[in-house]
């Protein structure tokens, strides 16, 4: 198999736009948050989150490409990436509003989605300064989030440890893919990884403080 196509496929599958769905799936079906929810309710909530945080931004980007606002959904330059990040922040803000104020079934799910929103805001700020790897921010942010929930709960579900280990492996794979494709320099990849880890862990701490969740 052509290595370029392989790493391009990896970059698509591990795109940061899918991180909210990864997180929602982890908590709803792995950690079994809100145990009173039945399977149908979990799938309904997961579908709602996926529609808002994934399908909505993708649809907006395709429309923007159709009308010439962006040249490619791959978003090769920082200006186009700013459009995408803004749409993702809006989508996550809507998801947070629904999760916190309309549904509010799980403090952990609320913390996770506020953290993802904070991470996206920080990524947008850094995007104006440097073309950092959003792929690395997304995956390392996921790792930081898992670390927070593991260290803040003495009885953390074993699935969080599994998710942490898988996240580390996937981070290594996505770093390799972005460097192989020459999409980023070493500095941009390492900077994205550091920002993601920092925001994922400390953003969760901040989110818990905002929600007044006991540590």
C-alpha atoms as a PDB file:
ATOM      1  CA  UNK A   1       0.000   0.000   0.000  1.00  0.00           C
ATOM      2  CA  UNK A   2       1.181   3.511  -0.788  1.00  0.00           C
ATOM      3  CA  UNK A   3       2.408   5.085   2.467  1.00  0.00           C
ATOM      4  CA  UNK A   4       1.094   8.509   1.498  1.00  0.00           C
ATOM      5  CA  UNK A   5      -2.447   7.190   1.044  1.00  0.00           C
ATOM      6  CA  UNK A   6      -2.157   5.240   4.290  1.00  0.00           C
ATOM      7  CA  UNK A   7      -1.157   8.303   6.305  1.00  0.00           C
ATOM      8  CA  UNK A   8      -3.750  10.439   4.548  1.00  0.00           C
ATOM      9  CA  UNK A   9      -6.373   7.911   5.608  1.00  0.00           C
ATOM     10  CA  UNK A  10      -5.069   7.994   9.171  1.00  0.00           C
ATOM     11  CA  UNK A  11      -5.241  11.798   9.154  1.00  0.00           C
ATOM     12  CA  UNK A  12      -8.890  11.635   8.094  1.00  0.00           C
ATOM     13  CA  UNK A  13      -9.877   8.981  10.646  1.00  0.00           C
ATOM     14  CA  UNK A  14      -8.078  10.767  13.486  1.00  0.00           C
ATOM     15  CA  UNK A  15      -9.215  14.253  12.515  1.00  0.00           C
ATOM     16  CA  UNK A  16      -9.922  16.394  15.603  1.00  0.00           C
ATOM     17  CA  UNK A  17     -13.501  16.964  14.459  1.00  0.00           C
ATOM     18  CA  UNK A  18     -14.250  13.393  15.617  1.00  0.00           C
ATOM     19  CA  UNK A  19     -12.866  13.870  19.149  1.00  0.00           C
ATOM     20  CA  UNK A  20     -16.227  14.968  20.661  1.00  0.00           C
ATOM     21  CA  UNK A  21     -17.792  11.727  19.359  1.00  0.00           C
ATOM     22  CA  UNK A  22     -14.882   9.709  20.794  1.00  0.00           C
ATOM     23  CA  UNK A  23     -15.418  11.365  24.176  1.00  0.00           C
ATOM     24  CA  UNK A  24     -19.201  10.971  24.100  1.00  0.00           C
ATOM     25  CA  UNK A  25     -18.858   7.296  23.165  1.00  0.00           C
ATOM     26  CA  UNK A  26     -16.302   6.730  25.920  1.00  0.00           C
ATOM     27  CA  UNK A  27     -18.539   8.110  28.647  1.00  0.00           C
ATOM     28  CA  UNK A  28     -21.906   6.904  27.386  1.00  0.00           C
ATOM     29  CA  UNK A  29     -20.947   3.369  26.358  1.00  0.00           C
ATOM     30  CA  UNK A  30     -17.584   2.745  28.047  1.00  0.00           C
ATOM     31  CA  UNK A  31     -17.743   4.383  31.465  1.00  0.00           C
ATOM     32  CA  UNK A  32     -21.572   4.091  31.533  1.00  0.00           C
ATOM     33  CA  UNK A  33     -22.172   7.596  32.820  1.00  0.00           C
ATOM     34  CA  UNK A  34     -25.740   8.319  33.953  1.00  0.00           C
ATOM     35  CA  UNK A  35     -26.585   4.642  34.689  1.00  0.00           C
ATOM     36  CA  UNK A  36     -30.309   5.383  34.688  1.00  0.00           C
ATOM     37  CA  UNK A  37     -30.240   5.982  30.922  1.00  0.00           C
ATOM     38  CA  UNK A  38     -31.283   3.003  28.834  1.00  0.00           C
ATOM     39  CA  UNK A  39     -29.540   1.981  25.615  1.00  0.00           C
ATOM     40  CA  UNK A  40     -31.988   3.841  23.390  1.00  0.00           C
ATOM     41  CA  UNK A  41     -31.525   7.067  25.354  1.00  0.00           C
ATOM     42  CA  UNK A  42     -27.728   6.707  25.159  1.00  0.00           C
ATOM     43  CA  UNK A  43     -27.816   6.267  21.395  1.00  0.00           C
ATOM     44  CA  UNK A  44     -30.177   9.232  21.052  1.00  0.00           C
ATOM     45  CA  UNK A  45     -27.829  11.450  23.070  1.00  0.00           C
ATOM     46  CA  UNK A  46     -24.792  10.180  21.175  1.00  0.00           C
ATOM     47  CA  UNK A  47     -26.527  10.872  17.849  1.00  0.00           C
ATOM     48  CA  UNK A  48     -27.452  14.378  18.972  1.00  0.00           C
ATOM     49  CA  UNK A  49     -23.872  15.123  19.998  1.00  0.00           C
ATOM     50  CA  UNK A  50     -22.505  13.669  16.755  1.00  0.00           C
ATOM     51  CA  UNK A  51     -24.910  15.697  14.640  1.00  0.00           C
ATOM     52  CA  UNK A  52     -24.048  18.970  16.368  1.00  0.00           C
ATOM     53  CA  UNK A  53     -20.291  18.555  16.762  1.00  0.00           C
ATOM     54  CA  UNK A  54     -19.418  16.585  13.615  1.00  0.00           C
ATOM     55  CA  UNK A  55     -22.061  16.638  10.889  1.00  0.00           C
ATOM     56  CA  UNK A  56     -22.905  20.322  11.344  1.00  0.00           C
ATOM     57  CA  UNK A  57     -19.289  21.601  11.027  1.00  0.00           C
ATOM     58  CA  UNK A  58     -18.571  19.265   8.095  1.00  0.00           C
ATOM     59  CA  UNK A  59     -21.709  20.469   6.287  1.00  0.00           C
ATOM     60  CA  UNK A  60     -20.745  24.103   6.876  1.00  0.00           C
ATOM     61  CA  UNK A  61     -17.228  23.520   5.540  1.00  0.00           C
ATOM     62  CA  UNK A  62     -18.553  21.802   2.412  1.00  0.00           C
ATOM     63  CA  UNK A  63     -20.909  24.730   1.820  1.00  0.00           C
ATOM     64  CA  UNK A  64     -18.036  27.168   2.317  1.00  0.00           C
ATOM     65  CA  UNK A  65     -16.028  25.239  -0.260  1.00  0.00           C
ATOM     66  CA  UNK A  66     -18.997  25.260  -2.629  1.00  0.00           C
ATOM     67  CA  UNK A  67     -19.209  29.061  -2.453  1.00  0.00           C
ATOM     68  CA  UNK A  68     -15.450  29.570  -2.672  1.00  0.00           C
ATOM     69  CA  UNK A  69     -14.906  30.759   0.900  1.00  0.00           C
ATOM     70  CA  UNK A  70     -12.365  27.968   1.416  1.00  0.00           C
ATOM     71  CA  UNK A  71     -10.435  26.193  -1.319  1.00  0.00           C
ATOM     72  CA  UNK A  72     -10.355  22.734   0.242  1.00  0.00           C
ATOM     73  CA  UNK A  73     -11.896  20.934   3.221  1.00  0.00           C
ATOM     74  CA  UNK A  74      -8.327  19.921   4.125  1.00  0.00           C
ATOM     75  CA  UNK A  75      -7.728  23.581   5.153  1.00  0.00           C
ATOM     76  CA  UNK A  76      -4.086  23.913   4.210  1.00  0.00           C
ATOM     77  CA  UNK A  77      -3.598  27.531   5.319  1.00  0.00           C
ATOM     78  CA  UNK A  78      -4.125  29.263   8.650  1.00  0.00           C
ATOM     79  CA  UNK A  79      -6.840  31.623   7.396  1.00  0.00           C
ATOM     80  CA  UNK A  80      -9.058  28.754   6.289  1.00  0.00           C
ATOM     81  CA  UNK A  81      -8.303  26.855   9.495  1.00  0.00           C
ATOM     82  CA  UNK A  82      -9.605  29.859  11.452  1.00  0.00           C
ATOM     83  CA  UNK A  83     -12.973  29.494   9.690  1.00  0.00           C
ATOM     84  CA  UNK A  84     -13.118  25.804  10.591  1.00  0.00           C
ATOM     85  CA  UNK A  85     -12.122  26.384  14.209  1.00  0.00           C
ATOM     86  CA  UNK A  86     -14.739  29.110  14.598  1.00  0.00           C
ATOM     87  CA  UNK A  87     -17.451  26.774  13.284  1.00  0.00           C
ATOM     88  CA  UNK A  88     -16.281  23.997  15.612  1.00  0.00           C
ATOM     89  CA  UNK A  89     -16.297  26.367  18.614  1.00  0.00           C
ATOM     90  CA  UNK A  90     -19.850  27.425  17.757  1.00  0.00           C
ATOM     91  CA  UNK A  91     -20.942  23.796  17.424  1.00  0.00           C
ATOM     92  CA  UNK A  92     -19.313  22.837  20.744  1.00  0.00           C
ATOM     93  CA  UNK A  93     -20.902  25.840  22.432  1.00  0.00           C
ATOM     94  CA  UNK A  94     -24.322  24.634  21.271  1.00  0.00           C
ATOM     95  CA  UNK A  95     -23.522  21.135  22.533  1.00  0.00           C
ATOM     96  CA  UNK A  96     -22.411  22.525  25.917  1.00  0.00           C
ATOM     97  CA  UNK A  97     -25.602  24.572  26.192  1.00  0.00           C
ATOM     98  CA  UNK A  98     -27.753  21.508  25.545  1.00  0.00           C
ATOM     99  CA  UNK A  99     -25.729  19.215  27.811  1.00  0.00           C
ATOM    100  CA  UNK A 100     -25.531  21.649  30.722  1.00  0.00           C
ATOM    101  CA  UNK A 101     -28.824  23.501  30.635  1.00  0.00           C
ATOM    102  CA  UNK A 102     -31.260  21.233  28.803  1.00  0.00           C
ATOM    103  CA  UNK A 103     -30.174  17.676  29.620  1.00  0.00           C
ATOM    104  CA  UNK A 104     -27.505  17.712  32.368  1.00  0.00           C
ATOM    105  CA  UNK A 105     -27.259  13.949  32.784  1.00  0.00           C
ATOM    106  CA  UNK A 106     -23.569  13.773  33.751  1.00  0.00           C
ATOM    107  CA  UNK A 107     -21.071  16.127  35.401  1.00  0.00           C
ATOM    108  CA  UNK A 108     -18.210  14.249  33.755  1.00  0.00           C
ATOM    109  CA  UNK A 109     -19.720  14.664  30.301  1.00  0.00           C
ATOM    110  CA  UNK A 110     -20.267  18.369  31.016  1.00  0.00           C
ATOM    111  CA  UNK A 111     -16.660  18.783  32.153  1.00  0.00           C
ATOM    112  CA  UNK A 112     -15.389  16.977  29.061  1.00  0.00           C
ATOM    113  CA  UNK A 113     -17.286  19.145  26.592  1.00  0.00           C
ATOM    114  CA  UNK A 114     -16.422  22.425  28.302  1.00  0.00           C
ATOM    115  CA  UNK A 115     -12.788  21.283  28.198  1.00  0.00           C
ATOM    116  CA  UNK A 116     -12.980  20.516  24.475  1.00  0.00           C
ATOM    117  CA  UNK A 117     -14.434  23.984  23.877  1.00  0.00           C
ATOM    118  CA  UNK A 118     -11.652  25.630  25.904  1.00  0.00           C
ATOM    119  CA  UNK A 119      -9.056  23.633  23.956  1.00  0.00           C
ATOM    120  CA  UNK A 120     -10.543  24.781  20.636  1.00  0.00           C
ATOM    121  CA  UNK A 121     -10.470  28.420  21.756  1.00  0.00           C
ATOM    122  CA  UNK A 122      -6.801  28.114  22.738  1.00  0.00           C
ATOM    123  CA  UNK A 123      -6.043  26.357  19.433  1.00  0.00           C
ATOM    124  CA  UNK A 124      -7.703  29.217  17.537  1.00  0.00           C
ATOM    125  CA  UNK A 125      -5.549  31.786  19.348  1.00  0.00           C
ATOM    126  CA  UNK A 126      -2.354  29.870  18.605  1.00  0.00           C
ATOM    127  CA  UNK A 127      -3.426  29.373  14.994  1.00  0.00           C
ATOM    128  CA  UNK A 128      -2.971  33.107  14.425  1.00  0.00           C
ATOM    129  CA  UNK A 129       0.652  32.755  15.552  1.00  0.00           C
ATOM    130  CA  UNK A 130       1.700  29.399  14.130  1.00  0.00           C
ATOM    131  CA  UNK A 131       0.292  26.631  11.932  1.00  0.00           C
ATOM    132  CA  UNK A 132       0.172  24.152  14.802  1.00  0.00           C
ATOM    133  CA  UNK A 133      -1.027  20.587  14.307  1.00  0.00           C
ATOM    134  CA  UNK A 134      -4.727  20.442  15.151  1.00  0.00           C
ATOM    135  CA  UNK A 135      -4.573  16.660  14.847  1.00  0.00           C
ATOM    136  CA  UNK A 136      -2.018  16.528  17.666  1.00  0.00           C
ATOM    137  CA  UNK A 137      -3.976  19.016  19.764  1.00  0.00           C
ATOM    138  CA  UNK A 138      -7.095  16.879  19.420  1.00  0.00           C
ATOM    139  CA  UNK A 139      -5.499  13.544  20.307  1.00  0.00           C
ATOM    140  CA  UNK A 140      -3.253  14.850  23.088  1.00  0.00           C
ATOM    141  CA  UNK A 141      -6.209  16.822  24.462  1.00  0.00           C
ATOM    142  CA  UNK A 142      -8.095  13.528  24.658  1.00  0.00           C
ATOM    143  CA  UNK A 143      -5.157  12.044  26.577  1.00  0.00           C
ATOM    144  CA  UNK A 144      -5.075  15.003  28.965  1.00  0.00           C
ATOM    145  CA  UNK A 145      -8.800  14.622  29.570  1.00  0.00           C
ATOM    146  CA  UNK A 146      -8.388  10.922  30.381  1.00  0.00           C
ATOM    147  CA  UNK A 147      -5.539  11.765  32.764  1.00  0.00           C
ATOM    148  CA  UNK A 148      -7.750  14.229  34.599  1.00  0.00           C
ATOM    149  CA  UNK A 149     -10.576  11.757  35.148  1.00  0.00           C
ATOM    150  CA  UNK A 150      -8.137   9.024  36.199  1.00  0.00           C
ATOM    151  CA  UNK A 151      -6.268  11.203  38.704  1.00  0.00           C
ATOM    152  CA  UNK A 152      -9.383  12.893  40.111  1.00  0.00           C
ATOM    153  CA  UNK A 153     -11.263   9.650  40.829  1.00  0.00           C
ATOM    154  CA  UNK A 154      -9.724   6.949  42.964  1.00  0.00           C
ATOM    155  CA  UNK A 155     -12.284   4.497  41.566  1.00  0.00           C
ATOM    156  CA  UNK A 156     -11.875   5.513  37.932  1.00  0.00           C
ATOM    157  CA  UNK A 157     -13.367   2.935  35.522  1.00  0.00           C
ATOM    158  CA  UNK A 158     -10.783   0.646  33.919  1.00  0.00           C
ATOM    159  CA  UNK A 159     -12.019   1.759  30.488  1.00  0.00           C
ATOM    160  CA  UNK A 160     -10.427   5.170  31.114  1.00  0.00           C
ATOM    161  CA  UNK A 161      -7.032   3.502  31.506  1.00  0.00           C
ATOM    162  CA  UNK A 162      -7.658   1.591  28.280  1.00  0.00           C
ATOM    163  CA  UNK A 163      -8.647   4.832  26.543  1.00  0.00           C
ATOM    164  CA  UNK A 164      -5.494   6.515  27.846  1.00  0.00           C
ATOM    165  CA  UNK A 165      -3.260   3.770  26.483  1.00  0.00           C
ATOM    166  CA  UNK A 166      -5.017   3.710  23.119  1.00  0.00           C
ATOM    167  CA  UNK A 167      -4.850   7.515  22.998  1.00  0.00           C
ATOM    168  CA  UNK A 168      -1.067   7.477  23.499  1.00  0.00           C
ATOM    169  CA  UNK A 169      -0.657   4.948  20.677  1.00  0.00           C
ATOM    170  CA  UNK A 170      -2.927   6.933  18.350  1.00  0.00           C
ATOM    171  CA  UNK A 171      -1.071  10.148  19.200  1.00  0.00           C
ATOM    172  CA  UNK A 172       2.193   8.541  18.103  1.00  0.00           C
ATOM    173  CA  UNK A 173       0.553   7.365  14.889  1.00  0.00           C
ATOM    174  CA  UNK A 174      -0.985  10.747  14.072  1.00  0.00           C
ATOM    175  CA  UNK A 175       2.292  12.573  14.830  1.00  0.00           C
ATOM    176  CA  UNK A 176       4.079  10.226  12.440  1.00  0.00           C
ATOM    177  CA  UNK A 177       1.388  10.737   9.787  1.00  0.00           C
ATOM    178  CA  UNK A 178       1.499  14.540   9.939  1.00  0.00           C
ATOM    179  CA  UNK A 179       5.291  14.573   9.746  1.00  0.00           C
ATOM    180  CA  UNK A 180       5.418  12.005   6.928  1.00  0.00           C
ATOM    181  CA  UNK A 181       2.923  14.040   4.891  1.00  0.00           C
ATOM    182  CA  UNK A 182       5.005  17.177   5.588  1.00  0.00           C
ATOM    183  CA  UNK A 183       1.812  18.870   6.780  1.00  0.00           C
ATOM    184  CA  UNK A 184       3.742  20.298   9.742  1.00  0.00           C
ATOM    185  CA  UNK A 185       7.256  20.778  11.041  1.00  0.00           C
ATOM    186  CA  UNK A 186       8.541  18.950  14.117  1.00  0.00           C
ATOM    187  CA  UNK A 187       8.052  22.132  16.139  1.00  0.00           C
ATOM    188  CA  UNK A 188       4.408  22.492  15.065  1.00  0.00           C
ATOM    189  CA  UNK A 189       3.672  18.861  15.912  1.00  0.00           C
ATOM    190  CA  UNK A 190       5.348  19.017  19.334  1.00  0.00           C
ATOM    191  CA  UNK A 191       3.764  22.375  20.130  1.00  0.00           C
ATOM    192  CA  UNK A 192       0.313  21.029  19.228  1.00  0.00           C
ATOM    193  CA  UNK A 193       0.916  17.988  21.439  1.00  0.00           C
ATOM    194  CA  UNK A 194       1.946  20.138  24.410  1.00  0.00           C
ATOM    195  CA  UNK A 195      -0.996  22.532  24.009  1.00  0.00           C
ATOM    196  CA  UNK A 196      -3.442  19.628  23.778  1.00  0.00           C
ATOM    197  CA  UNK A 197      -2.085  17.881  26.879  1.00  0.00           C
ATOM    198  CA  UNK A 198      -2.049  21.129  28.857  1.00  0.00           C
ATOM    199  CA  UNK A 199      -5.557  22.183  27.832  1.00  0.00           C
ATOM    200  CA  UNK A 200      -7.002  18.690  28.188  1.00  0.00           C
ATOM    201  CA  UNK A 201      -5.796  18.296  31.769  1.00  0.00           C
ATOM    202  CA  UNK A 202      -5.893  21.814  33.187  1.00  0.00           C
ATOM    203  CA  UNK A 203      -8.944  22.750  31.114  1.00  0.00           C
ATOM    204  CA  UNK A 204     -10.792  19.916  32.843  1.00  0.00           C
ATOM    205  CA  UNK A 205      -9.703  21.223  36.235  1.00  0.00           C
ATOM    206  CA  UNK A 206     -10.967  24.683  35.282  1.00  0.00           C
ATOM    207  CA  UNK A 207     -14.219  23.218  33.940  1.00  0.00           C
ATOM    208  CA  UNK A 208     -14.809  21.341  37.196  1.00  0.00           C
ATOM    209  CA  UNK A 209     -14.251  24.574  39.139  1.00  0.00           C
ATOM    210  CA  UNK A 210     -16.705  26.413  36.886  1.00  0.00           C
ATOM    211  CA  UNK A 211     -19.315  23.714  37.460  1.00  0.00           C
ATOM    212  CA  UNK A 212     -18.417  23.540  41.175  1.00  0.00           C
ATOM    213  CA  UNK A 213     -17.819  19.808  40.955  1.00  0.00           C
ATOM    214  CA  UNK A 214     -15.940  18.484  44.040  1.00  0.00           C
ATOM    215  CA  UNK A 215     -12.355  17.416  43.264  1.00  0.00           C
END
